[in-house]
Amino acid sequence: AGVVGGPAVFTCDVPPTVSRHVTVTSW
């Protein structure tokens, strides 16, 4: 969510079973 004209921040949702071992490398 954000305000028109402002920034929005998106996160990559990774299943908790693997989240300790996964790094977001690109979009």
PDB file of all heavy atoms in Angstrom:
ATOM      1  N   ALA A   1       0.856  -1.182   0.000  1.00  0.00           N
ATOM      2  CA  ALA A   1       0.000   0.000   0.000  1.00  0.00           C
ATOM      3  C   ALA A   1       0.893   1.233   0.000  1.00  0.00           C
ATOM      4  O   ALA A   1       2.034   1.191   0.440  1.00  0.00           O
ATOM      5  CB  ALA A   1      -0.902  -0.003   1.232  1.00  0.00           C
ATOM      6  N   GLY A   2       0.357   2.301  -0.509  1.00  0.00           N
ATOM      7  CA  GLY A   2       1.113   3.540  -0.517  1.00  0.00           C
ATOM      8  C   GLY A   2       0.209   4.684  -0.927  1.00  0.00           C
ATOM      9  O   GLY A   2      -0.970   4.496  -1.212  1.00  0.00           O
ATOM     10  N   VAL A   3       0.758   5.847  -0.968  1.00  0.00           N
ATOM     11  CA  VAL A   3       0.041   7.050  -1.365  1.00  0.00           C
ATOM     12  C   VAL A   3       0.428   7.360  -2.795  1.00  0.00           C
ATOM     13  O   VAL A   3       1.604   7.266  -3.168  1.00  0.00           O
ATOM     14  CB  VAL A   3       0.411   8.224  -0.430  1.00  0.00           C
ATOM     15  CG1 VAL A   3      -0.261   9.507  -0.871  1.00  0.00           C
ATOM     16  CG2 VAL A   3       0.058   7.884   1.009  1.00  0.00           C
ATOM     17  N   VAL A   4      -0.565   7.730  -3.638  1.00  0.00           N
ATOM     18  CA  VAL A   4      -0.287   8.061  -5.031  1.00  0.00           C
ATOM     19  C   VAL A   4       0.836   9.097  -5.086  1.00  0.00           C
ATOM     20  O   VAL A   4       0.827  10.084  -4.356  1.00  0.00           O
ATOM     21  CB  VAL A   4      -1.573   8.591  -5.730  1.00  0.00           C
ATOM     22  CG1 VAL A   4      -1.242   9.119  -7.122  1.00  0.00           C
ATOM     23  CG2 VAL A   4      -2.617   7.498  -5.801  1.00  0.00           C
ATOM     24  N   GLY A   5       1.821   8.807  -5.908  1.00  0.00           N
ATOM     25  CA  GLY A   5       2.983   9.681  -6.035  1.00  0.00           C
ATOM     26  C   GLY A   5       4.124   9.277  -5.111  1.00  0.00           C
ATOM     27  O   GLY A   5       5.266   9.662  -5.319  1.00  0.00           O
ATOM     28  N   GLY A   6       3.824   8.509  -4.105  1.00  0.00           N
ATOM     29  CA  GLY A   6       4.850   8.072  -3.155  1.00  0.00           C
ATOM     30  C   GLY A   6       5.370   6.686  -3.514  1.00  0.00           C
ATOM     31  O   GLY A   6       5.052   6.131  -4.566  1.00  0.00           O
ATOM     32  N   PRO A   7       6.161   6.097  -2.634  1.00  0.00           N
ATOM     33  CA  PRO A   7       6.715   4.770  -2.915  1.00  0.00           C
ATOM     34  C   PRO A   7       5.812   3.652  -2.377  1.00  0.00           C
ATOM     35  O   PRO A   7       4.995   3.864  -1.486  1.00  0.00           O
ATOM     36  CB  PRO A   7       8.043   4.783  -2.158  1.00  0.00           C
ATOM     37  CG  PRO A   7       7.764   5.662  -0.977  1.00  0.00           C
ATOM     38  CD  PRO A   7       6.806   6.724  -1.479  1.00  0.00           C
ATOM     39  N   ALA A   8       5.967   2.474  -2.947  1.00  0.00           N
ATOM     40  CA  ALA A   8       5.356   1.252  -2.431  1.00  0.00           C
ATOM     41  C   ALA A   8       6.480   0.235  -2.288  1.00  0.00           C
ATOM     42  O   ALA A   8       7.397   0.192  -3.119  1.00  0.00           O
ATOM     43  CB  ALA A   8       4.286   0.731  -3.383  1.00  0.00           C
ATOM     44  N   VAL A   9       6.412  -0.564  -1.230  1.00  0.00           N
ATOM     45  CA  VAL A   9       7.453  -1.559  -0.980  1.00  0.00           C
ATOM     46  C   VAL A   9       6.827  -2.946  -1.082  1.00  0.00           C
ATOM     47  O   VAL A   9       5.857  -3.253  -0.389  1.00  0.00           O
ATOM     48  CB  VAL A   9       8.089  -1.367   0.418  1.00  0.00           C
ATOM     49  CG1 VAL A   9       9.150  -2.430   0.665  1.00  0.00           C
ATOM     50  CG2 VAL A   9       8.690   0.027   0.545  1.00  0.00           C
ATOM     51  N   PHE A  10       7.384  -3.768  -1.963  1.00  0.00           N
ATOM     52  CA  PHE A  10       6.917  -5.137  -2.157  1.00  0.00           C
ATOM     53  C   PHE A  10       7.941  -6.100  -1.572  1.00  0.00           C
ATOM     54  O   PHE A  10       9.142  -5.885  -1.701  1.00  0.00           O
ATOM     55  CB  PHE A  10       6.751  -5.438  -3.653  1.00  0.00           C
ATOM     56  CG  PHE A  10       5.681  -4.620  -4.310  1.00  0.00           C
ATOM     57  CD1 PHE A  10       5.978  -3.376  -4.856  1.00  0.00           C
ATOM     58  CD2 PHE A  10       4.377  -5.077  -4.376  1.00  0.00           C
ATOM     59  CE1 PHE A  10       4.997  -2.617  -5.472  1.00  0.00           C
ATOM     60  CE2 PHE A  10       3.382  -4.321  -4.986  1.00  0.00           C
ATOM     61  CZ  PHE A  10       3.696  -3.088  -5.535  1.00  0.00           C
ATOM     62  N   THR A  11       7.447  -7.136  -0.939  1.00  0.00           N
ATOM     63  CA  THR A  11       8.342  -8.169  -0.418  1.00  0.00           C
ATOM     64  C   THR A  11       8.018  -9.497  -1.086  1.00  0.00           C
ATOM     65  O   THR A  11       6.890  -9.731  -1.517  1.00  0.00           O
ATOM     66  CB  THR A  11       8.218  -8.329   1.114  1.00  0.00           C
ATOM     67  OG1 THR A  11       6.870  -8.637   1.436  1.00  0.00           O
ATOM     68  CG2 THR A  11       8.658  -7.073   1.842  1.00  0.00           C
ATOM     69  N   CYS A  12       9.016 -10.324  -1.171  1.00  0.00           N
ATOM     70  CA  CYS A  12       8.873 -11.654  -1.743  1.00  0.00           C
ATOM     71  C   CYS A  12       8.460 -12.582  -0.604  1.00  0.00           C
ATOM     72  O   CYS A  12       9.167 -12.696   0.397  1.00  0.00           O
ATOM     73  CB  CYS A  12      10.203 -12.085  -2.346  1.00  0.00           C
ATOM     74  SG  CYS A  12      10.138 -13.644  -3.216  1.00  0.00           S
ATOM     75  N   ASP A  13       7.297 -13.210  -0.747  1.00  0.00           N
ATOM     76  CA  ASP A  13       6.818 -14.139   0.273  1.00  0.00           C
ATOM     77  C   ASP A  13       7.375 -15.525  -0.012  1.00  0.00           C
ATOM     78  O   ASP A  13       7.052 -16.139  -1.027  1.00  0.00           O
ATOM     79  CB  ASP A  13       5.290 -14.183   0.283  1.00  0.00           C
ATOM     80  CG  ASP A  13       4.673 -12.872   0.728  1.00  0.00           C
ATOM     81  OD1 ASP A  13       5.318 -12.166   1.526  1.00  0.00           O
ATOM     82  OD2 ASP A  13       3.556 -12.564   0.287  1.00  0.00           O
ATOM     83  N   VAL A  14       8.213 -16.002   0.886  1.00  0.00           N
ATOM     84  CA  VAL A  14       8.854 -17.305   0.761  1.00  0.00           C
ATOM     85  C   VAL A  14       8.260 -18.216   1.826  1.00  0.00           C
ATOM     86  O   VAL A  14       8.099 -17.796   2.977  1.00  0.00           O
ATOM     87  CB  VAL A  14      10.390 -17.165   0.962  1.00  0.00           C
ATOM     88  CG1 VAL A  14      11.073 -18.510   0.882  1.00  0.00           C
ATOM     89  CG2 VAL A  14      10.968 -16.209  -0.069  1.00  0.00           C
ATOM     90  N   PRO A  15       7.910 -19.463   1.488  1.00  0.00           N
ATOM     91  CA  PRO A  15       7.360 -20.370   2.502  1.00  0.00           C
ATOM     92  C   PRO A  15       8.290 -20.478   3.712  1.00  0.00           C
ATOM     93  O   PRO A  15       9.519 -20.539   3.554  1.00  0.00           O
ATOM     94  CB  PRO A  15       7.254 -21.709   1.770  1.00  0.00           C
ATOM     95  CG  PRO A  15       7.206 -21.358   0.323  1.00  0.00           C
ATOM     96  CD  PRO A  15       8.029 -20.106   0.184  1.00  0.00           C
ATOM     97  N   PRO A  16       7.734 -20.494   4.911  1.00  0.00           N
ATOM     98  CA  PRO A  16       8.567 -20.537   6.120  1.00  0.00           C
ATOM     99  C   PRO A  16       9.473 -21.772   6.203  1.00  0.00           C
ATOM    100  O   PRO A  16      10.517 -21.726   6.834  1.00  0.00           O
ATOM    101  CB  PRO A  16       7.569 -20.505   7.270  1.00  0.00           C
ATOM    102  CG  PRO A  16       6.233 -20.743   6.674  1.00  0.00           C
ATOM    103  CD  PRO A  16       6.310 -20.458   5.220  1.00  0.00           C
ATOM    104  N   THR A  17       9.096 -22.853   5.544  1.00  0.00           N
ATOM    105  CA  THR A  17       9.916 -24.066   5.608  1.00  0.00           C
ATOM    106  C   THR A  17      11.266 -23.911   4.928  1.00  0.00           C
ATOM    107  O   THR A  17      12.188 -24.673   5.195  1.00  0.00           O
ATOM    108  CB  THR A  17       9.179 -25.262   4.967  1.00  0.00           C
ATOM    109  OG1 THR A  17       8.797 -24.901   3.632  1.00  0.00           O
ATOM    110  CG2 THR A  17       7.952 -25.649   5.768  1.00  0.00           C
ATOM    111  N   VAL A  18      11.389 -22.923   4.034  1.00  0.00           N
ATOM    112  CA  VAL A  18      12.660 -22.731   3.332  1.00  0.00           C
ATOM    113  C   VAL A  18      13.228 -21.326   3.507  1.00  0.00           C
ATOM    114  O   VAL A  18      14.311 -21.035   3.009  1.00  0.00           O
ATOM    115  CB  VAL A  18      12.527 -23.039   1.821  1.00  0.00           C
ATOM    116  CG1 VAL A  18      12.217 -24.500   1.592  1.00  0.00           C
ATOM    117  CG2 VAL A  18      11.498 -22.152   1.161  1.00  0.00           C
ATOM    118  N   SER A  19      12.531 -20.455   4.212  1.00  0.00           N
ATOM    119  CA  SER A  19      12.931 -19.042   4.277  1.00  0.00           C
ATOM    120  C   SER A  19      14.341 -18.828   4.826  1.00  0.00           C
ATOM    121  O   SER A  19      15.032 -17.899   4.403  1.00  0.00           O
ATOM    122  CB  SER A  19      11.917 -18.232   5.084  1.00  0.00           C
ATOM    123  OG  SER A  19      11.858 -18.693   6.407  1.00  0.00           O
ATOM    124  N   ARG A  20      14.798 -19.681   5.740  1.00  0.00           N
ATOM    125  CA  ARG A  20      16.161 -19.526   6.275  1.00  0.00           C
ATOM    126  C   ARG A  20      17.227 -19.769   5.228  1.00  0.00           C
ATOM    127  O   ARG A  20      18.374 -19.373   5.392  1.00  0.00           O
ATOM    128  CB  ARG A  20      16.392 -20.510   7.426  1.00  0.00           C
ATOM    129  CG  ARG A  20      15.692 -20.166   8.680  1.00  0.00           C
ATOM    130  CD  ARG A  20      16.033 -21.060   9.849  1.00  0.00           C
ATOM    131  NE  ARG A  20      17.154 -21.959   9.648  1.00  0.00           N
ATOM    132  CZ  ARG A  20      17.287 -23.111  10.257  1.00  0.00           C
ATOM    133  NH1 ARG A  20      16.382 -23.533  11.085  1.00  0.00           N
ATOM    134  NH2 ARG A  20      18.339 -23.867  10.044  1.00  0.00           N
ATOM    135  N   HIS A  21      16.854 -20.467   4.157  1.00  0.00           N
ATOM    136  CA  HIS A  21      17.834 -20.887   3.167  1.00  0.00           C
ATOM    137  C   HIS A  21      17.671 -20.195   1.817  1.00  0.00           C
ATOM    138  O   HIS A  21      18.345 -20.559   0.869  1.00  0.00           O
ATOM    139  CB  HIS A  21      17.740 -22.402   2.976  1.00  0.00           C
ATOM    140  CG  HIS A  21      17.796 -23.135   4.275  1.00  0.00           C
ATOM    141  ND1 HIS A  21      18.960 -23.261   5.003  1.00  0.00           N
ATOM    142  CD2 HIS A  21      16.835 -23.735   5.009  1.00  0.00           C
ATOM    143  CE1 HIS A  21      18.705 -23.921   6.112  1.00  0.00           C
ATOM    144  NE2 HIS A  21      17.431 -24.219   6.146  1.00  0.00           N
ATOM    145  N   VAL A  22      16.759 -19.227   1.746  1.00  0.00           N
ATOM    146  CA  VAL A  22      16.481 -18.557   0.477  1.00  0.00           C
ATOM    147  C   VAL A  22      16.842 -17.084   0.586  1.00  0.00           C
ATOM    148  O   VAL A  22      16.521 -16.430   1.573  1.00  0.00           O
ATOM    149  CB  VAL A  22      14.993 -18.710   0.089  1.00  0.00           C
ATOM    150  CG1 VAL A  22      14.652 -17.877  -1.126  1.00  0.00           C
ATOM    151  CG2 VAL A  22      14.658 -20.173  -0.149  1.00  0.00           C
ATOM    152  N   THR A  23      17.501 -16.574  -0.438  1.00  0.00           N
ATOM    153  CA  THR A  23      17.842 -15.158  -0.528  1.00  0.00           C
ATOM    154  C   THR A  23      17.242 -14.613  -1.815  1.00  0.00           C
ATOM    155  O   THR A  23      17.383 -15.241  -2.874  1.00  0.00           O
ATOM    156  CB  THR A  23      19.374 -14.972  -0.564  1.00  0.00           C
ATOM    157  OG1 THR A  23      19.933 -15.547   0.612  1.00  0.00           O
ATOM    158  CG2 THR A  23      19.752 -13.505  -0.645  1.00  0.00           C
ATOM    159  N   VAL A  24      16.578 -13.468  -1.735  1.00  0.00           N
ATOM    160  CA  VAL A  24      16.042 -12.834  -2.932  1.00  0.00           C
ATOM    161  C   VAL A  24      17.222 -12.241  -3.693  1.00  0.00           C
ATOM    162  O   VAL A  24      17.949 -11.395  -3.175  1.00  0.00           O
ATOM    163  CB  VAL A  24      15.006 -11.746  -2.574  1.00  0.00           C
ATOM    164  CG1 VAL A  24      14.532 -11.024  -3.829  1.00  0.00           C
ATOM    165  CG2 VAL A  24      13.824 -12.356  -1.831  1.00  0.00           C
ATOM    166  N   THR A  25      17.399 -12.705  -4.926  1.00  0.00           N
ATOM    167  CA  THR A  25      18.543 -12.255  -5.722  1.00  0.00           C
ATOM    168  C   THR A  25      18.146 -11.296  -6.828  1.00  0.00           C
ATOM    169  O   THR A  25      19.007 -10.583  -7.351  1.00  0.00           O
ATOM    170  CB  THR A  25      19.289 -13.446  -6.346  1.00  0.00           C
ATOM    171  OG1 THR A  25      18.370 -14.177  -7.167  1.00  0.00           O
ATOM    172  CG2 THR A  25      19.867 -14.347  -5.261  1.00  0.00           C
ATOM    173  N   SER A  26      16.869 -11.280  -7.217  1.00  0.00           N
ATOM    174  CA  SER A  26      16.444 -10.362  -8.274  1.00  0.00           C
ATOM    175  C   SER A  26      14.928 -10.282  -8.341  1.00  0.00           C
ATOM    176  O   SER A  26      14.224 -11.126  -7.771  1.00  0.00           O
ATOM    177  CB  SER A  26      16.995 -10.798  -9.635  1.00  0.00           C
ATOM    178  OG  SER A  26      16.439 -12.048 -10.014  1.00  0.00           O
ATOM    179  N   TRP A  27      14.448  -9.259  -9.035  1.00  0.00           N
ATOM    180  CA  TRP A  27      13.028  -9.072  -9.344  1.00  0.00           C
ATOM    181  C   TRP A  27      12.929  -8.881 -10.851  1.00  0.00           C
ATOM    182  O   TRP A  27      13.834  -8.316 -11.472  1.00  0.00           O
ATOM    183  CB  TRP A  27      12.469  -7.827  -8.655  1.00  0.00           C
ATOM    184  CG  TRP A  27      12.215  -7.986  -7.192  1.00  0.00           C
ATOM    185  CD1 TRP A  27      13.135  -7.930  -6.195  1.00  0.00           C
ATOM    186  CD2 TRP A  27      10.957  -8.199  -6.560  1.00  0.00           C
ATOM    187  NE1 TRP A  27      12.532  -8.095  -4.973  1.00  0.00           N
ATOM    188  CE2 TRP A  27      11.189  -8.261  -5.173  1.00  0.00           C
ATOM    189  CE3 TRP A  27       9.654  -8.337  -7.033  1.00  0.00           C
ATOM    190  CZ2 TRP A  27      10.162  -8.466  -4.256  1.00  0.00           C
ATOM    191  CZ3 TRP A  27       8.639  -8.533  -6.119  1.00  0.00           C
ATOM    192  CH2 TRP A  27       8.890  -8.606  -4.742  1.00  0.00           C
TER     193      TRP A  27
END
